[in-house]
PDB file of N, CA and C in Angstrom:
ATOM      1  N   MET A   1       1.125  -1.366  -0.215  1.00  0.00           N
ATOM      2  CA  MET A   1      -0.016  -0.011  -0.118  1.00  0.00           C
ATOM      3  C   MET A   1       1.138   1.437  -0.072  1.00  0.00           C
ATOM      4  N   SER A   2       0.777   2.227  -0.915  1.00  0.00           N
ATOM      5  CA  SER A   2       1.316   3.122  -1.333  1.00  0.00           C
ATOM      6  C   SER A   2       0.240   4.433  -1.036  1.00  0.00           C
ATOM      7  N   GLU A   3       0.989   5.283  -0.493  1.00  0.00           N
ATOM      8  CA  GLU A   3       0.120   6.255   0.813  1.00  0.00           C
ATOM      9  C   GLU A   3       0.716   7.617  -0.550  1.00  0.00           C
ATOM     10  N   GLU A   4      -0.286   8.118  -1.373  1.00  0.00           N
ATOM     11  CA  GLU A   4      -0.061   9.133  -1.947  1.00  0.00           C
ATOM     12  C   GLU A   4       0.202  10.674  -1.103  1.00  0.00           C
ATOM     13  N   LEU A   5       1.828  11.580  -1.398  1.00  0.00           N
ATOM     14  CA  LEU A   5       1.868  12.552  -0.672  1.00  0.00           C
ATOM     15  C   LEU A   5       1.239  13.266  -1.610  1.00  0.00           C
ATOM     16  N   PRO A   6       0.917  14.433  -0.741  1.00  0.00           N
ATOM     17  CA  PRO A   6      -0.056  16.004  -1.913  1.00  0.00           C
ATOM     18  C   PRO A   6       1.261  16.269  -1.990  1.00  0.00           C
ATOM     19  N   SER A   7       1.121  17.565  -3.150  1.00  0.00           N
ATOM     20  CA  SER A   7       1.779  17.849  -4.082  1.00  0.00           C
ATOM     21  C   SER A   7       2.806  18.815  -3.359  1.00  0.00           C
ATOM     22  N   GLU A   8       2.558  19.824  -2.551  1.00  0.00           N
ATOM     23  CA  GLU A   8       2.973  20.300  -1.960  1.00  0.00           C
ATOM     24  C   GLU A   8       3.828  19.796  -1.464  1.00  0.00           C
ATOM     25  N   TYR A   9       4.208  18.294  -0.646  1.00  0.00           N
ATOM     26  CA  TYR A   9       5.116  17.569  -0.173  1.00  0.00           C
ATOM     27  C   TYR A   9       6.117  17.172  -1.068  1.00  0.00           C
ATOM     28  N   GLU A  10       5.580  16.992  -2.186  1.00  0.00           N
ATOM     29  CA  GLU A  10       6.700  16.243  -3.615  1.00  0.00           C
ATOM     30  C   GLU A  10       7.754  17.497  -3.894  1.00  0.00           C
ATOM     31  N   THR A  11       7.145  18.429  -3.761  1.00  0.00           N
ATOM     32  CA  THR A  11       7.940  19.733  -4.453  1.00  0.00           C
ATOM     33  C   THR A  11       9.152  20.243  -3.147  1.00  0.00           C
ATOM     34  N   GLU A  12       8.778  19.818  -2.329  1.00  0.00           N
ATOM     35  CA  GLU A  12      10.029  20.500  -1.089  1.00  0.00           C
ATOM     36  C   GLU A  12      10.537  19.301  -1.208  1.00  0.00           C
ATOM     37  N   VAL A  13      10.150  18.313  -1.185  1.00  0.00           N
ATOM     38  CA  VAL A  13      11.461  16.372  -0.868  1.00  0.00           C
ATOM     39  C   VAL A  13      12.305  17.217  -2.699  1.00  0.00           C
ATOM     40  N   GLU A  14      11.371  17.482  -3.461  1.00  0.00           N
ATOM     41  CA  GLU A  14      12.175  17.878  -5.065  1.00  0.00           C
ATOM     42  C   GLU A  14      13.680  18.715  -4.590  1.00  0.00           C
ATOM     43  N   THR A  15      13.159  19.956  -3.889  1.00  0.00           N
ATOM     44  CA  THR A  15      13.749  20.712  -4.004  1.00  0.00           C
ATOM     45  C   THR A  15      14.961  20.577  -2.764  1.00  0.00           C
ATOM     46  N   GLU A  16      14.805  19.621  -1.955  1.00  0.00           N
ATOM     47  CA  GLU A  16      15.285  19.272  -1.255  1.00  0.00           C
ATOM     48  C   GLU A  16      16.752  18.449  -1.616  1.00  0.00           C
ATOM     49  N   SER A  17      16.129  17.329  -2.422  1.00  0.00           N
ATOM     50  CA  SER A  17      16.977  16.388  -3.065  1.00  0.00           C
ATOM     51  C   SER A  17      17.563  16.966  -4.196  1.00  0.00           C
ATOM     52  N   ARG A  18      17.513  18.258  -4.665  1.00  0.00           N
ATOM     53  CA  ARG A  18      17.977  18.405  -5.994  1.00  0.00           C
ATOM     54  C   ARG A  18      18.952  19.511  -5.542  1.00  0.00           C
ATOM     55  N   TYR A  19      19.109  20.342  -4.643  1.00  0.00           N
ATOM     56  CA  TYR A  19      20.463  21.253  -4.124  1.00  0.00           C
ATOM     57  C   TYR A  19      20.853  20.779  -2.684  1.00  0.00           C
ATOM     58  N   GLY A  20      20.715  19.276  -1.882  1.00  0.00           N
ATOM     59  CA  GLY A  20      21.263  19.275  -0.931  1.00  0.00           C
ATOM     60  C   GLY A  20      20.753  20.157   0.420  1.00  0.00           C
ATOM     61  N   PHE A  21      19.984  20.620   0.879  1.00  0.00           N
ATOM     62  CA  PHE A  21      19.027  21.566   1.431  1.00  0.00           C
ATOM     63  C   PHE A  21      18.143  21.817   1.375  1.00  0.00           C
ATOM     64  N   LYS A  22      17.335  22.244   2.249  1.00  0.00           N
ATOM     65  CA  LYS A  22      16.303  23.005   1.937  1.00  0.00           C
ATOM     66  C   LYS A  22      16.372  24.731   1.356  1.00  0.00           C
ATOM     67  N   MET A  23      15.379  25.236   0.127  1.00  0.00           N
ATOM     68  CA  MET A  23      15.777  26.110  -0.219  1.00  0.00           C
ATOM     69  C   MET A  23      15.520  27.756   0.921  1.00  0.00           C
ATOM     70  N   ASP A  24      14.768  27.337   1.529  1.00  0.00           N
ATOM     71  CA  ASP A  24      13.612  27.848   2.610  1.00  0.00           C
ATOM     72  C   ASP A  24      14.950  28.906   4.103  1.00  0.00           C
ATOM     73  N   ALA A  25      16.012  28.649   3.210  1.00  0.00           N
ATOM     74  CA  ALA A  25      17.065  29.220   4.031  1.00  0.00           C
ATOM     75  C   ALA A  25      18.081  29.542   3.502  1.00  0.00           C
ATOM     76  N   PHE A  26      17.604  29.482   1.638  1.00  0.00           N
ATOM     77  CA  PHE A  26      19.006  29.673   1.371  1.00  0.00           C
ATOM     78  C   PHE A  26      18.832  31.256   0.561  1.00  0.00           C
ATOM     79  N   ILE A  27      17.185  31.542   0.326  1.00  0.00           N
ATOM     80  CA  ILE A  27      17.434  32.703  -0.130  1.00  0.00           C
ATOM     81  C   ILE A  27      17.725  33.805   1.125  1.00  0.00           C
ATOM     82  N   PRO A  28      17.140  33.631   2.272  1.00  0.00           N
ATOM     83  CA  PRO A  28      17.303  34.711   3.066  1.00  0.00           C
ATOM     84  C   PRO A  28      18.938  35.291   3.429  1.00  0.00           C
ATOM     85  N   LEU A  29      19.744  34.257   3.519  1.00  0.00           N
ATOM     86  CA  LEU A  29      21.206  33.935   3.576  1.00  0.00           C
ATOM     87  C   LEU A  29      21.976  34.773   2.701  1.00  0.00           C
ATOM     88  N   VAL A  30      21.477  34.823   1.604  1.00  0.00           N
ATOM     89  CA  VAL A  30      22.151  34.995   0.483  1.00  0.00           C
ATOM     90  C   VAL A  30      21.313  36.638   0.672  1.00  0.00           C
ATOM     91  N   LEU A  31      20.317  36.726   0.531  1.00  0.00           N
ATOM     92  CA  LEU A  31      19.893  38.146   1.238  1.00  0.00           C
ATOM     93  C   LEU A  31      20.835  39.101   2.230  1.00  0.00           C
ATOM     94  N   LEU A  32      20.608  38.267   3.181  1.00  0.00           N
ATOM     95  CA  LEU A  32      21.918  38.700   4.284  1.00  0.00           C
ATOM     96  C   LEU A  32      23.769  39.063   4.224  1.00  0.00           C
ATOM     97  N   SER A  33      23.843  38.033   3.083  1.00  0.00           N
ATOM     98  CA  SER A  33      25.049  38.236   2.651  1.00  0.00           C
ATOM     99  C   SER A  33      25.654  39.284   1.998  1.00  0.00           C
ATOM    100  N   LEU A  34      24.275  39.372   0.925  1.00  0.00           N
ATOM    101  CA  LEU A  34      24.302  40.808  -0.302  1.00  0.00           C
ATOM    102  C   LEU A  34      24.455  42.018   0.491  1.00  0.00           C
ATOM    103  N   SER A  35      23.339  42.205   1.410  1.00  0.00           N
ATOM    104  CA  SER A  35      23.328  43.051   2.282  1.00  0.00           C
ATOM    105  C   SER A  35      24.598  43.550   3.364  1.00  0.00           C
ATOM    106  N   ILE A  36      25.205  42.592   3.840  1.00  0.00           N
ATOM    107  CA  ILE A  36      26.928  42.805   4.449  1.00  0.00           C
ATOM    108  C   ILE A  36      27.868  43.195   3.611  1.00  0.00           C
ATOM    109  N   ILE A  37      27.668  42.537   2.184  1.00  0.00           N
ATOM    110  CA  ILE A  37      28.899  42.978   1.081  1.00  0.00           C
ATOM    111  C   ILE A  37      28.276  44.411   0.899  1.00  0.00           C
ATOM    112  N   VAL A  38      27.329  45.017   0.622  1.00  0.00           N
ATOM    113  CA  VAL A  38      26.946  46.203   0.573  1.00  0.00           C
ATOM    114  C   VAL A  38      26.985  47.157   0.881  1.00  0.00           C
ATOM    115  N   LEU A  39      27.108  46.821   2.369  1.00  0.00           N
ATOM    116  CA  LEU A  39      27.174  47.873   3.432  1.00  0.00           C
ATOM    117  C   LEU A  39      29.078  47.659   3.977  1.00  0.00           C
ATOM    118  N   LEU A  40      29.905  46.725   3.668  1.00  0.00           N
ATOM    119  CA  LEU A  40      30.725  47.337   3.683  1.00  0.00           C
ATOM    120  C   LEU A  40      31.580  47.451   2.458  1.00  0.00           C
ATOM    121  N   GLY A  41      30.996  47.675   1.528  1.00  0.00           N
ATOM    122  CA  GLY A  41      32.086  48.387   0.261  1.00  0.00           C
ATOM    123  C   GLY A  41      30.926  49.587   0.075  1.00  0.00           C
ATOM    124  N   TRP A  42      30.226  49.888   0.966  1.00  0.00           N
ATOM    125  CA  TRP A  42      29.331  51.436   1.199  1.00  0.00           C
ATOM    126  C   TRP A  42      30.555  52.288   1.847  1.00  0.00           C
ATOM    127  N   GLN A  43      30.703  51.553   2.960  1.00  0.00           N
ATOM    128  CA  GLN A  43      31.902  51.928   4.230  1.00  0.00           C
ATOM    129  C   GLN A  43      32.842  52.299   3.788  1.00  0.00           C
ATOM    130  N   VAL A  44      33.573  51.416   2.923  1.00  0.00           N
ATOM    131  CA  VAL A  44      34.816  51.741   2.127  1.00  0.00           C
ATOM    132  C   VAL A  44      34.936  52.879   1.383  1.00  0.00           C
ATOM    133  N   SER A  45      33.541  53.184   0.723  1.00  0.00           N
ATOM    134  CA  SER A  45      33.569  54.181  -0.085  1.00  0.00           C
ATOM    135  C   SER A  45      33.428  55.558   0.483  1.00  0.00           C
ATOM    136  N   VAL A  46      33.085  55.288   1.641  1.00  0.00           N
ATOM    137  CA  VAL A  46      33.122  56.675   2.685  1.00  0.00           C
ATOM    138  C   VAL A  46      33.808  57.170   3.464  1.00  0.00           C
ATOM    139  N   SER A  47      34.612  55.745   3.865  1.00  0.00           N
ATOM    140  CA  SER A  47      36.231  56.069   4.467  1.00  0.00           C
ATOM    141  C   SER A  47      37.419  56.566   3.122  1.00  0.00           C
ATOM    142  N   SER A  48      37.187  56.152   2.137  1.00  0.00           N
ATOM    143  CA  SER A  48      37.776  56.721   1.060  1.00  0.00           C
ATOM    144  C   SER A  48      38.012  57.941   1.073  1.00  0.00           C
ATOM    145  N   THR A  49      36.401  58.376   0.904  1.00  0.00           N
ATOM    146  CA  THR A  49      36.478  59.849   0.436  1.00  0.00           C
ATOM    147  C   THR A  49      36.664  60.762   1.696  1.00  0.00           C
ATOM    148  N   GLN A  50      36.417  60.188   2.453  1.00  0.00           N
ATOM    149  CA  GLN A  50      37.106  61.148   3.668  1.00  0.00           C
ATOM    150  C   GLN A  50      38.328  60.964   3.917  1.00  0.00           C
ATOM    151  N   ARG A  51      39.175  60.314   3.113  1.00  0.00           N
ATOM    152  CA  ARG A  51      40.642  60.382   3.487  1.00  0.00           C
ATOM    153  C   ARG A  51      41.404  61.439   2.839  1.00  0.00           C
ATOM    154  N   SER A  52      40.483  61.020   1.213  1.00  0.00           N
ATOM    155  CA  SER A  52      41.025  62.218   0.468  1.00  0.00           C
ATOM    156  C   SER A  52      40.351  63.885   1.036  1.00  0.00           C
ATOM    157  N   GLN A  53      39.593  63.556   1.611  1.00  0.00           N
ATOM    158  CA  GLN A  53      38.979  65.497   1.879  1.00  0.00           C
ATOM    159  C   GLN A  53      40.404  65.631   2.985  1.00  0.00           C
ATOM    160  N   PHE A  54      40.637  64.501   3.858  1.00  0.00           N
ATOM    161  CA  PHE A  54      41.829  65.481   4.746  1.00  0.00           C
ATOM    162  C   PHE A  54      42.818  65.494   4.221  1.00  0.00           C
ATOM    163  N   GLU A  55      43.132  64.534   3.185  1.00  0.00           N
ATOM    164  CA  GLU A  55      44.678  65.047   2.492  1.00  0.00           C
ATOM    165  C   GLU A  55      44.332  66.223   1.823  1.00  0.00           C
ATOM    166  N   ASN A  56      43.532  66.578   1.478  1.00  0.00           N
ATOM    167  CA  ASN A  56      43.176  67.832   0.370  1.00  0.00           C
ATOM    168  C   ASN A  56      43.066  68.833   2.027  1.00  0.00           C
ATOM    169  N   ALA A  57      42.246  68.830   2.876  1.00  0.00           N
ATOM    170  CA  ALA A  57      42.909  69.821   3.398  1.00  0.00           C
ATOM    171  C   ALA A  57      43.914  69.866   4.413  1.00  0.00           C
ATOM    172  N   ILE A  58      44.974  69.105   4.299  1.00  0.00           N
ATOM    173  CA  ILE A  58      46.416  69.167   5.010  1.00  0.00           C
ATOM    174  C   ILE A  58      46.729  69.858   4.056  1.00  0.00           C
ATOM    175  N   THR A  59      46.324  69.652   2.709  1.00  0.00           N
ATOM    176  CA  THR A  59      47.364  70.100   1.668  1.00  0.00           C
ATOM    177  C   THR A  59      47.515  71.656   1.434  1.00  0.00           C
ATOM    178  N   ARG A  60      45.749  71.846   1.941  1.00  0.00           N
ATOM    179  CA  ARG A  60      45.488  73.658   1.647  1.00  0.00           C
ATOM    180  C   ARG A  60      46.071  74.206   2.656  1.00  0.00           C
ATOM    181  N   GLN A  61      45.910  73.216   4.404  1.00  0.00           N
ATOM    182  CA  GLN A  61      46.598  73.953   5.419  1.00  0.00           C
ATOM    183  C   GLN A  61      48.038  74.430   5.076  1.00  0.00           C
ATOM    184  N   GLN A  62      48.782  73.542   4.651  1.00  0.00           N
ATOM    185  CA  GLN A  62      50.324  73.658   4.267  1.00  0.00           C
ATOM    186  C   GLN A  62      51.042  75.306   4.429  1.00  0.00           C
ATOM    187  N   PRO A  63      50.492  75.902   3.375  1.00  0.00           N
ATOM    188  CA  PRO A  63      50.859  77.010   3.417  1.00  0.00           C
ATOM    189  C   PRO A  63      50.977  77.822   4.645  1.00  0.00           C
ATOM    190  N   ALA A  64      49.723  78.084   5.363  1.00  0.00           N
ATOM    191  CA  ALA A  64      49.277  78.750   6.413  1.00  0.00           C
ATOM    192  C   ALA A  64      50.288  78.612   7.335  1.00  0.00           C
ATOM    193  N   VAL A  65      50.748  77.005   7.555  1.00  0.00           N
ATOM    194  CA  VAL A  65      51.288  76.463   8.879  1.00  0.00           C
ATOM    195  C   VAL A  65      52.787  77.060   8.390  1.00  0.00           C
ATOM    196  N   THR A  66      53.307  76.989   7.386  1.00  0.00           N
ATOM    197  CA  THR A  66      54.305  77.384   7.141  1.00  0.00           C
ATOM    198  C   THR A  66      54.833  79.030   7.780  1.00  0.00           C
ATOM    199  N   GLN A  67      53.780  79.674   7.075  1.00  0.00           N
ATOM    200  CA  GLN A  67      53.674  81.034   7.334  1.00  0.00           C
ATOM    201  C   GLN A  67      53.787  81.096   9.022  1.00  0.00           C
ATOM    202  N   ALA A  68      52.924  80.187   9.810  1.00  0.00           N
ATOM    203  CA  ALA A  68      52.976  80.888  11.103  1.00  0.00           C
ATOM    204  C   ALA A  68      54.087  80.218  11.621  1.00  0.00           C
ATOM    205  N   GLN A  69      54.952  79.475  11.097  1.00  0.00           N
ATOM    206  CA  GLN A  69      55.976  78.889  11.484  1.00  0.00           C
ATOM    207  C   GLN A  69      57.389  80.084  11.324  1.00  0.00           C
ATOM    208  N   GLN A  70      56.936  80.657  10.162  1.00  0.00           N
ATOM    209  CA  GLN A  70      57.822  82.141   9.988  1.00  0.00           C
ATOM    210  C   GLN A  70      57.918  83.249  10.724  1.00  0.00           C
ATOM    211  N   VAL A  71      56.326  83.495  11.645  1.00  0.00           N
ATOM    212  CA  VAL A  71      56.023  84.387  12.446  1.00  0.00           C
ATOM    213  C   VAL A  71      56.669  84.128  13.214  1.00  0.00           C
ATOM    214  N   VAL A  72      56.593  82.206  14.469  1.00  0.00           N
ATOM    215  CA  VAL A  72      56.707  82.272  15.592  1.00  0.00           C
ATOM    216  C   VAL A  72      57.800  82.570  15.589  1.00  0.00           C
ATOM    217  N   ALA A  73      59.055  82.232  14.134  1.00  0.00           N
ATOM    218  CA  ALA A  73      60.129  82.433  14.557  1.00  0.00           C
ATOM    219  C   ALA A  73      60.702  83.877  14.574  1.00  0.00           C
ATOM    220  N   SER A  74      60.247  84.799  13.838  1.00  0.00           N
ATOM    221  CA  SER A  74      60.798  86.316  13.695  1.00  0.00           C
ATOM    222  C   SER A  74      60.367  87.014  15.271  1.00  0.00           C
ATOM    223  N   VAL A  75      58.757  86.402  15.843  1.00  0.00           N
ATOM    224  CA  VAL A  75      59.132  87.033  17.413  1.00  0.00           C
ATOM    225  C   VAL A  75      59.753  86.588  18.452  1.00  0.00           C
ATOM    226  N   SER A  76      60.016  84.939  18.200  1.00  0.00           N
ATOM    227  CA  SER A  76      61.273  84.838  19.064  1.00  0.00           C
ATOM    228  C   SER A  76      62.521  85.912  19.082  1.00  0.00           C
ATOM    229  N   LYS A  77      62.636  85.579  17.745  1.00  0.00           N
ATOM    230  CA  LYS A  77      64.255  86.402  17.409  1.00  0.00           C
ATOM    231  C   LYS A  77      63.956  88.003  18.538  1.00  0.00           C
ATOM    232  N   LEU A  78      62.760  88.318  17.935  1.00  0.00           N
ATOM    233  CA  LEU A  78      62.369  90.153  18.535  1.00  0.00           C
ATOM    234  C   LEU A  78      62.547  89.669  19.976  1.00  0.00           C
ATOM    235  N   VAL A  79      61.772  88.967  20.408  1.00  0.00           N
ATOM    236  CA  VAL A  79      62.300  88.720  21.748  1.00  0.00           C
ATOM    237  C   VAL A  79      63.078  88.881  22.570  1.00  0.00           C
ATOM    238  N   THR A  80      63.849  87.804  21.737  1.00  0.00           N
ATOM    239  CA  THR A  80      65.829  87.246  22.123  1.00  0.00           C
ATOM    240  C   THR A  80      66.425  88.740  22.092  1.00  0.00           C
ATOM    241  N   ASP A  81      65.846  90.069  21.281  1.00  0.00           N
ATOM    242  CA  ASP A  81      67.199  90.613  20.941  1.00  0.00           C
ATOM    243  C   ASP A  81      66.165  91.682  21.866  1.00  0.00           C
ATOM    244  N   LEU A  82      64.899  91.568  22.502  1.00  0.00           N
ATOM    245  CA  LEU A  82      64.345  92.855  23.339  1.00  0.00           C
ATOM    246  C   LEU A  82      64.947  92.443  24.656  1.00  0.00           C
ATOM    247  N   LEU A  83      65.222  91.056  25.038  1.00  0.00           N
ATOM    248  CA  LEU A  83      65.284  90.848  26.367  1.00  0.00           C
ATOM    249  C   LEU A  83      67.474  90.855  26.291  1.00  0.00           C
ATOM    250  N   THR A  84      67.589  91.196  25.223  1.00  0.00           N
ATOM    251  CA  THR A  84      68.974  91.138  24.918  1.00  0.00           C
ATOM    252  C   THR A  84      69.850  92.878  25.686  1.00  0.00           C
ATOM    253  N   ALA A  85      69.160  93.736  24.728  1.00  0.00           N
ATOM    254  CA  ALA A  85      68.600  95.523  24.659  1.00  0.00           C
ATOM    255  C   ALA A  85      68.388  95.879  26.361  1.00  0.00           C
ATOM    256  N   ALA A  86      67.220  95.061  26.923  1.00  0.00           N
ATOM    257  CA  ALA A  86      67.133  95.678  28.240  1.00  0.00           C
ATOM    258  C   ALA A  86      67.844  95.693  29.460  1.00  0.00           C
ATOM    259  N   GLN A  87      69.172  94.938  28.786  1.00  0.00           N
ATOM    260  CA  GLN A  87      70.552  94.652  30.098  1.00  0.00           C
ATOM    261  C   GLN A  87      70.621  95.843  30.043  1.00  0.00           C
ATOM    262  N   THR A  88      70.965  96.693  28.699  1.00  0.00           N
ATOM    263  CA  THR A  88      71.286  97.956  28.976  1.00  0.00           C
ATOM    264  C   THR A  88      70.766  99.047  28.479  1.00  0.00           C
ATOM    265  N   ASP A  89      69.584  98.760  28.276  1.00  0.00           N
ATOM    266  CA  ASP A  89      68.547  99.931  27.707  1.00  0.00           C
ATOM    267  C   ASP A  89      67.039 100.455  28.344  1.00  0.00           C
ATOM    268  N   ASP A  90      67.339 101.669  29.631  1.00  0.00           N
ATOM    269  CA  ASP A  90      66.201 101.315  30.222  1.00  0.00           C
ATOM    270  C   ASP A  90      64.557 101.651  29.613  1.00  0.00           C
ATOM    271  N   THR A  91      64.227 101.844  28.556  1.00  0.00           N
ATOM    272  CA  THR A  91      62.970 101.687  27.211  1.00  0.00           C
ATOM    273  C   THR A  91      62.689 100.144  27.755  1.00  0.00           C
ATOM    274  N   ALA A  92      64.027  99.654  26.792  1.00  0.00           N
ATOM    275  CA  ALA A  92      63.610  97.761  26.926  1.00  0.00           C
ATOM    276  C   ALA A  92      63.640  97.047  28.020  1.00  0.00           C
ATOM    277  N   LYS A  93      64.217  97.882  29.264  1.00  0.00           N
ATOM    278  CA  LYS A  93      63.663  96.899  30.585  1.00  0.00           C
ATOM    279  C   LYS A  93      62.328  97.787  30.614  1.00  0.00           C
ATOM    280  N   ALA A  94      61.678  98.611  30.253  1.00  0.00           N
ATOM    281  CA  ALA A  94      60.103  99.277  30.737  1.00  0.00           C
ATOM    282  C   ALA A  94      59.233  98.415  30.097  1.00  0.00           C
ATOM    283  N   ILE A  95      59.684  97.957  28.734  1.00  0.00           N
ATOM    284  CA  ILE A  95      58.685  97.141  28.043  1.00  0.00           C
ATOM    285  C   ILE A  95      58.734  95.720  28.771  1.00  0.00           C
ATOM    286  N   VAL A  96      59.582  95.346  29.045  1.00  0.00           N
ATOM    287  CA  VAL A  96      59.897  94.030  29.490  1.00  0.00           C
ATOM    288  C   VAL A  96      59.650  93.862  31.008  1.00  0.00           C
ATOM    289  N   ALA A  97      59.741  94.947  31.754  1.00  0.00           N
ATOM    290  CA  ALA A  97      58.328  95.173  32.673  1.00  0.00           C
ATOM    291  C   ALA A  97      57.377  94.941  32.812  1.00  0.00           C
ATOM    292  N   LYS A  98      57.107  95.804  31.891  1.00  0.00           N
ATOM    293  CA  LYS A  98      55.411  96.246  31.432  1.00  0.00           C
ATOM    294  C   LYS A  98      54.309  94.645  31.019  1.00  0.00           C
ATOM    295  N   TYR A  99      55.254  94.280  29.715  1.00  0.00           N
ATOM    296  CA  TYR A  99      54.692  93.220  29.936  1.00  0.00           C
ATOM    297  C   TYR A  99      55.212  91.762  30.250  1.00  0.00           C
ATOM    298  N   LYS A 100      56.366  91.852  31.440  1.00  0.00           N
ATOM    299  CA  LYS A 100      56.283  90.356  31.886  1.00  0.00           C
ATOM    300  C   LYS A 100      56.991  89.604  31.142  1.00  0.00           C
ATOM    301  N   ILE A 101      57.919  90.323  30.632  1.00  0.00           N
ATOM    302  CA  ILE A 101      58.975  88.867  29.198  1.00  0.00           C
ATOM    303  C   ILE A 101      59.919  88.350  30.167  1.00  0.00           C
ATOM    304  N   GLN A 102      60.144  87.312  30.191  1.00  0.00           N
ATOM    305  CA  GLN A 102      60.527  86.378  30.192  1.00  0.00           C
ATOM    306  C   GLN A 102      61.308  85.003  29.015  1.00  0.00           C
ATOM    307  N   GLN A 103      62.260  84.861  29.394  1.00  0.00           N
ATOM    308  CA  GLN A 103      62.605  83.563  28.725  1.00  0.00           C
ATOM    309  C   GLN A 103      63.028  82.353  29.652  1.00  0.00           C
ATOM    310  N   THR A 104      62.732  81.620  29.255  1.00  0.00           N
ATOM    311  CA  THR A 104      62.556  80.329  29.641  1.00  0.00           C
ATOM    312  C   THR A 104      63.309  79.648  28.523  1.00  0.00           C
ATOM    313  N   GLY A 105      63.668  77.792  28.875  1.00  0.00           N
ATOM    314  CA  GLY A 105      63.878  77.496  28.077  1.00  0.00           C
ATOM    315  C   GLY A 105      63.472  76.331  26.516  1.00  0.00           C
ATOM    316  N   PRO A 106      63.951  76.233  25.959  1.00  0.00           N
ATOM    317  CA  PRO A 106      63.522  75.527  24.683  1.00  0.00           C
ATOM    318  C   PRO A 106      62.256  74.774  24.927  1.00  0.00           C
ATOM    319  N   PRO A 107      61.097  74.752  23.876  1.00  0.00           N
ATOM    320  CA  PRO A 107      60.281  74.155  24.106  1.00  0.00           C
ATOM    321  C   PRO A 107      60.680  72.377  23.892  1.00  0.00           C
ATOM    322  N   PRO A 108      59.885  72.194  24.680  1.00  0.00           N
ATOM    323  CA  PRO A 108      59.690  70.545  24.644  1.00  0.00           C
ATOM    324  C   PRO A 108      59.236  69.867  23.388  1.00  0.00           C
ATOM    325  N   ALA A 109      60.108  69.362  22.562  1.00  0.00           N
ATOM    326  CA  ALA A 109      59.886  68.406  21.391  1.00  0.00           C
ATOM    327  C   ALA A 109      58.493  68.210  21.271  1.00  0.00           C
ATOM    328  N   PRO A 110      57.555  68.312  20.288  1.00  0.00           N
ATOM    329  CA  PRO A 110      56.303  67.326  20.055  1.00  0.00           C
ATOM    330  C   PRO A 110      56.860  65.829  19.810  1.00  0.00           C
TER     331      PRO A 110
END
């Protein structure tokens, strides 16, 4: 006596035997994998864009940094000359006393 299976069971058994696993879990796993791949690709794209923007900002700011370093060097030289002049000149002594200018050691290395 052979019992007839409904057609919906035959399709499921046929699908399972053809691929070796149930198709019910295959499509969600494929969709999940694709969404993770798309998300990672998007993150790489955004990171690359941010990196290029940072590099452009650094390049644009380099002239300002160079100019600031030149200004610091000239002001430092001016203050050193003022302190040297304050040893013999009363006007320079007054300026040093008024603004409380004093010489310290070199700044620590960054």
